[in-house]
């Protein structure tokens, strides 16, 4: 996966950059979410008491708030005019990986209540798909320069 990511990134083509950004997004999500399953299973072994409804609503609210914040910050990173398009695309995609990872991880902590876990993982799937689609809208043309053209010094100046 990393070799394909590097190949797409080095191509410089718009479609390849989008593919590389989406691969980086998937990788960021996987890295963040992977520890949740074994940690949730270990927590389940302690036989936690069920979380009351108010606590569950609070968990869902926190998951939504943190996921929306992650998407907002990823969008801001994608709009950074000072960075080259490849860098902003990858940065935004990796930051967006946090959005679905939050409800996934909270769902792992609720293994003792399978209905809640499934609900949070459905939210994870919705956020994952939403961020996947948003990444395409965050792409800038590779020809856009991080600096205004008037501030770029001439390359062949004769004194």
Protein backbone atom coordinates (compact mmCIF):
# COMPACT_ATOMS: atom_id res chain seq x y z
CA UNK A 1 0.00 0.00 0.00
CA UNK A 2 2.85 2.38 0.81
CA UNK A 3 4.56 1.66 -2.52
CA UNK A 4 1.35 2.46 -4.42
CA UNK A 5 0.95 5.61 -2.32
CA UNK A 6 4.47 6.73 -3.22
CA UNK A 7 3.94 6.00 -6.92
CA UNK A 8 0.67 7.95 -7.03
CA UNK A 9 2.24 10.83 -5.14
CA UNK A 10 5.27 11.06 -7.41
CA UNK A 11 3.12 11.07 -10.56
CA UNK A 12 1.85 14.60 -9.99
CA UNK A 13 -1.39 13.97 -11.91
CA UNK A 14 -4.66 15.08 -10.33
CA UNK A 15 -6.27 11.62 -10.33
CA UNK A 16 -3.12 10.07 -8.89
CA UNK A 17 -2.93 12.72 -6.17
CA UNK A 18 -6.55 12.04 -5.26
CA UNK A 19 -5.83 8.30 -5.12
CA UNK A 20 -2.75 8.94 -2.96
CA UNK A 21 -4.74 11.19 -0.63
CA UNK A 22 -7.45 8.57 -0.24
CA UNK A 23 -4.84 5.91 0.45
CA UNK A 24 -3.27 8.14 3.08
CA UNK A 25 -6.75 8.70 4.55
CA UNK A 26 -7.44 4.95 4.75
CA UNK A 27 -4.02 4.34 6.26
CA UNK A 28 -4.48 7.07 8.87
CA UNK A 29 -7.87 5.64 9.84
CA UNK A 30 -6.44 2.11 10.11
CA UNK A 31 -3.51 3.23 12.25
CA UNK A 32 -5.80 5.11 14.62
CA UNK A 33 -8.56 2.48 14.78
CA UNK A 34 -6.53 -0.74 14.93
CA UNK A 35 -5.66 -0.57 18.64
CA UNK A 36 -9.34 -0.17 19.53
CA UNK A 37 -10.41 -3.77 18.98
CA UNK A 38 -7.83 -5.47 21.26
CA UNK A 39 -8.14 -2.73 23.88
CA UNK A 40 -11.94 -3.00 23.77
CA UNK A 41 -11.69 -6.77 24.14
CA UNK A 42 -9.39 -6.37 27.14
CA UNK A 43 -11.82 -3.89 28.67
CA UNK A 44 -14.67 -6.34 28.07
CA UNK A 45 -12.82 -8.93 30.16
CA UNK A 46 -13.19 -6.63 33.18
CA UNK A 47 -17.00 -6.99 32.86
CA UNK A 48 -17.85 -3.30 32.89
CA UNK A 49 -21.27 -2.25 34.09
CA UNK A 50 -23.63 -1.04 31.36
CA UNK A 51 -23.49 2.67 30.65
CA UNK A 52 -26.79 4.44 31.35
CA UNK A 53 -28.71 6.08 28.51
CA UNK A 54 -27.56 9.59 29.45
CA UNK A 55 -23.95 8.43 29.34
CA UNK A 56 -24.47 6.79 25.96
CA UNK A 57 -25.99 9.96 24.55
CA UNK A 58 -23.02 11.86 25.93
CA UNK A 59 -20.61 9.43 24.25
CA UNK A 60 -22.37 9.81 20.91
CA UNK A 61 -22.39 13.59 21.32
CA UNK A 62 -18.67 13.66 22.10
CA UNK A 63 -17.97 11.37 19.14
CA UNK A 64 -19.89 13.66 16.79
CA UNK A 65 -18.30 16.80 18.18
CA UNK A 66 -14.77 15.44 17.87
CA UNK A 67 -15.41 14.00 14.41
CA UNK A 68 -16.84 17.29 13.13
CA UNK A 69 -13.90 19.16 14.64
CA UNK A 70 -11.48 16.81 12.89
CA UNK A 71 -13.23 17.36 9.55
CA UNK A 72 -13.21 21.13 10.08
CA UNK A 73 -9.47 21.12 10.82
CA UNK A 74 -8.79 18.88 7.83
CA UNK A 75 -10.73 21.28 5.61
CA UNK A 76 -8.68 24.19 6.95
CA UNK A 77 -5.47 22.28 6.25
CA UNK A 78 -6.64 21.64 2.68
CA UNK A 79 -7.19 25.37 2.15
CA UNK A 80 -3.73 26.43 3.39
CA UNK A 81 -2.41 28.69 0.62
CA UNK A 82 1.18 28.58 1.85
CA UNK A 83 1.73 24.87 1.20
CA UNK A 84 2.05 23.11 -2.16
CA UNK A 85 -1.05 21.19 -3.32
CA UNK A 86 0.48 17.74 -2.76
CA UNK A 87 1.33 18.54 0.81
CA UNK A 88 -2.04 20.08 1.66
CA UNK A 89 -3.89 17.17 0.08
CA UNK A 90 -2.00 14.56 2.09
CA UNK A 91 -2.12 16.57 5.30
CA UNK A 92 -5.87 17.10 5.03
CA UNK A 93 -6.50 13.46 4.15
CA UNK A 94 -4.51 12.17 7.11
CA UNK A 95 -6.23 14.59 9.48
CA UNK A 96 -9.61 13.51 8.11
CA UNK A 97 -8.80 9.93 9.13
CA UNK A 98 -9.43 11.02 12.71
CA UNK A 99 -13.11 11.78 12.08
CA UNK A 100 -14.33 8.18 11.65
CA UNK A 101 -11.72 6.82 14.06
CA UNK A 102 -13.25 8.64 17.05
CA UNK A 103 -16.65 6.91 17.03
CA UNK A 104 -14.96 3.63 16.12
CA UNK A 105 -12.74 3.80 19.20
CA UNK A 106 -15.61 4.83 21.45
CA UNK A 107 -17.57 1.90 20.00
CA UNK A 108 -14.73 -0.42 20.99
CA UNK A 109 -15.11 0.76 24.58
CA UNK A 110 -18.79 -0.27 24.53
CA UNK A 111 -18.36 -3.94 23.57
CA UNK A 112 -20.44 -4.89 26.63
CA UNK A 113 -23.41 -3.17 24.94
CA UNK A 114 -23.42 -4.55 21.38
CA UNK A 115 -26.30 -2.35 20.18
CA UNK A 116 -24.35 0.77 21.13
CA UNK A 117 -21.19 -0.59 19.51
CA UNK A 118 -23.04 -1.27 16.26
CA UNK A 119 -24.64 2.19 16.36
CA UNK A 120 -21.28 3.88 16.81
CA UNK A 121 -19.75 1.77 14.05
CA UNK A 122 -22.59 2.75 11.71
CA UNK A 123 -21.73 6.36 12.53
CA UNK A 124 -18.11 5.46 11.74
CA UNK A 125 -19.11 4.14 8.32
CA UNK A 126 -21.15 7.28 7.56
CA UNK A 127 -18.29 9.57 8.59
CA UNK A 128 -15.77 7.47 6.66
CA UNK A 129 -17.83 7.73 3.47
CA UNK A 130 -18.46 11.45 3.98
CA UNK A 131 -14.77 12.24 4.46
CA UNK A 132 -13.87 10.01 1.49
CA UNK A 133 -16.09 12.19 -0.71
CA UNK A 134 -14.88 15.44 0.85
CA UNK A 135 -11.26 14.67 -0.01
CA UNK A 136 -12.00 15.10 -3.72
CA UNK A 137 -13.36 18.59 -3.07
CA UNK A 138 -10.27 19.56 -1.12
CA UNK A 139 -7.91 18.94 -4.04
CA UNK A 140 -6.21 21.96 -5.60
CA UNK A 141 -4.72 21.94 -9.07
CA UNK A 142 -1.05 20.99 -9.05
CA UNK A 143 -0.30 24.14 -11.03
CA UNK A 144 -1.43 26.42 -8.20
CA UNK A 145 1.61 28.01 -6.66
CA UNK A 146 1.95 28.40 -2.89
CA UNK A 147 3.22 31.95 -3.44
CA UNK A 148 1.65 34.74 -5.46
CA UNK A 149 3.32 35.10 -8.86
CA UNK A 150 4.45 38.64 -8.05
CA UNK A 151 6.55 37.41 -5.12
CA UNK A 152 8.38 34.69 -7.06
CA UNK A 153 11.86 35.92 -7.99
CA UNK A 154 12.89 35.66 -11.64
CA UNK A 155 15.01 32.63 -12.41
CA UNK A 156 17.21 34.09 -15.14
CA UNK A 157 17.92 37.66 -14.20
CA UNK A 158 20.70 39.48 -15.99
CA UNK A 159 22.28 42.42 -14.10
